[in-house]
Protein backbone atom coordinates (compact mmCIF):
# COMPACT_ATOMS: atom_id res chain seq x y z
CA UNK A 1 76.80 90.11 20.74
CA UNK A 2 76.02 86.76 22.21
CA UNK A 3 73.19 84.80 23.66
CA UNK A 4 72.63 85.42 27.35
CA UNK A 5 74.39 82.65 29.21
CA UNK A 6 73.79 81.73 32.78
CA UNK A 7 76.67 80.41 34.83
CA UNK A 8 78.76 78.69 32.11
CA UNK A 9 76.22 75.96 31.64
CA UNK A 10 74.24 73.93 34.11
CA UNK A 11 77.07 72.25 36.02
CA UNK A 12 76.97 73.28 39.66
CA UNK A 13 74.09 75.64 39.11
CA UNK A 14 72.34 76.21 42.42
CA UNK A 15 69.52 78.50 41.26
CA UNK A 16 67.08 78.32 38.36
CA UNK A 17 67.75 82.00 37.64
CA UNK A 18 70.41 83.62 35.48
CA UNK A 19 73.46 84.49 37.58
CA UNK A 20 75.63 86.04 34.87
CA UNK A 21 75.76 86.85 31.17
CA UNK A 22 78.48 85.99 28.67
CA UNK A 23 79.12 89.25 26.82
CA UNK A 24 81.38 89.34 23.77
CA UNK A 25 83.87 92.19 23.90
CA UNK A 26 86.55 93.37 21.50
CA UNK A 27 89.12 90.69 22.30
CA UNK A 28 87.44 88.66 25.02
CA UNK A 29 84.26 87.28 26.48
CA UNK A 30 83.27 88.98 29.71
CA UNK A 31 81.20 87.19 32.31
CA UNK A 32 78.93 89.89 33.71
CA UNK A 33 77.23 89.02 37.02
CA UNK A 34 73.58 90.00 37.28
CA UNK A 35 74.49 91.82 40.50
CA UNK A 36 76.33 94.42 38.36
CA UNK A 37 73.21 95.22 36.30
CA UNK A 38 71.22 98.31 37.31
CA UNK A 39 68.52 98.01 34.66
CA UNK A 40 67.78 96.33 31.33
CA UNK A 41 66.38 97.93 28.20
CA UNK A 42 64.67 96.06 25.38
CA UNK A 43 66.01 96.63 21.86
CA UNK A 44 64.01 94.38 19.50
CA UNK A 45 65.70 90.94 19.53
CA UNK A 46 68.41 92.24 21.85
CA UNK A 47 68.59 93.66 25.33
CA UNK A 48 70.89 96.38 26.60
CA UNK A 49 72.33 95.66 30.05
CA UNK A 50 73.05 98.89 31.94
CA UNK A 51 75.75 98.79 34.61
CA UNK A 52 77.28 101.61 36.63
CA UNK A 53 79.81 102.50 33.94
CA UNK A 54 78.90 100.63 30.72
CA UNK A 55 76.15 99.23 28.56
CA UNK A 56 76.28 95.80 26.96
CA UNK A 57 74.15 94.59 24.07
CA UNK A 58 73.26 90.89 24.07
CA UNK A 59 70.84 88.79 22.08
CA UNK A 60 67.69 87.99 24.01
CA UNK A 61 64.14 89.07 24.63
CA UNK A 62 62.53 90.90 27.51
CA UNK A 63 60.05 88.05 27.93
CA UNK A 64 62.80 85.47 28.32
CA UNK A 65 64.75 87.64 30.75
CA UNK A 66 61.73 88.48 32.89
CA UNK A 67 61.14 84.73 33.28
CA UNK A 68 64.78 83.88 33.98
CA UNK A 69 65.89 86.68 36.31
CA UNK A 70 65.36 86.29 40.04
CA UNK A 71 62.08 88.08 40.92
CA UNK A 72 63.53 88.88 44.34
CA UNK A 73 66.15 91.02 42.56
CA UNK A 74 64.50 92.29 39.36
CA UNK A 75 61.08 93.64 38.42
CA UNK A 76 59.67 94.41 35.00
CA UNK A 77 58.25 97.93 34.98
CA UNK A 78 57.48 98.36 31.27
CA UNK A 79 57.41 96.22 28.16
CA UNK A 80 60.90 97.55 27.41
CA UNK A 81 62.39 97.90 30.93
CA UNK A 82 63.44 95.61 33.76
CA UNK A 83 64.90 97.18 36.90
CA UNK A 84 67.10 95.85 39.69
CA UNK A 85 64.90 96.41 42.75
CA UNK A 86 67.68 97.68 45.01
CA UNK A 87 68.49 100.40 42.46
CA UNK A 88 65.06 102.07 42.78
CA UNK A 89 65.23 105.37 44.63
CA UNK A 90 61.58 106.42 44.43
CA UNK A 91 58.45 106.53 42.27
CA UNK A 92 56.47 109.55 41.15
CA UNK A 93 52.93 109.31 39.75
CA UNK A 94 52.21 110.36 36.18
CA UNK A 95 48.71 109.84 34.82
CA UNK A 96 46.29 106.92 34.23
CA UNK A 97 48.18 104.71 36.71
CA UNK A 98 51.63 105.14 35.18
CA UNK A 99 54.64 106.13 37.29
CA UNK A 100 58.18 107.34 36.78
CA UNK A 101 60.73 105.02 38.36
CA UNK A 102 63.74 106.98 39.61
CA UNK A 103 66.95 105.01 39.97
CA UNK A 104 69.81 105.78 42.36
CA UNK A 105 72.05 106.60 39.37
CA UNK A 106 69.67 109.34 38.21
CA UNK A 107 68.02 107.38 35.40
CA UNK A 108 64.27 107.77 35.01
CA UNK A 109 62.15 105.02 33.51
CA UNK A 110 58.44 104.78 32.92
CA UNK A 111 56.42 102.16 34.76
CA UNK A 112 53.22 101.35 32.91
CA UNK A 113 50.06 100.46 34.78
CA UNK A 114 50.24 97.00 33.19
CA UNK A 115 53.27 96.18 35.37
CA UNK A 116 52.18 98.14 38.44
CA UNK A 117 50.72 95.10 40.21
CA UNK A 118 54.13 93.39 40.17
CA UNK A 119 55.69 96.41 41.84
CA UNK A 120 52.90 96.54 44.42
CA UNK A 121 53.49 92.86 45.24
CA UNK A 122 57.21 93.47 45.72
CA UNK A 123 56.69 96.53 47.90
CA UNK A 124 53.96 94.81 49.88
CA UNK A 125 51.35 97.55 49.43
CA UNK A 126 49.29 99.22 46.74
CA UNK A 127 49.70 102.73 45.45
């Protein structure tokens, strides 16, 4: 488990947003591009990065990630979930303004009404 690391430092960095994470594996450090991440789950002082075939646990907070991930690519839908926008299949209403976010991989996450405005801004209309 390591600290999230963006682009091996600041040299040559062309964007203020995280481009990849340094993830400690069994015998190596993997550099995981943010483009491989489908969604992110909060786990206290760690976050779990969900990709198509694996999950990676790294030290970090949801607050820090939501500020450092490109808002054109990721949206926070719950205090414990951040979703890659292009992985969203559809939304279904629940109650009191909450929604279920359905991902292309079949995962279902809850979107709380607190984060609904962000989703509306991304989609360009209210619901």
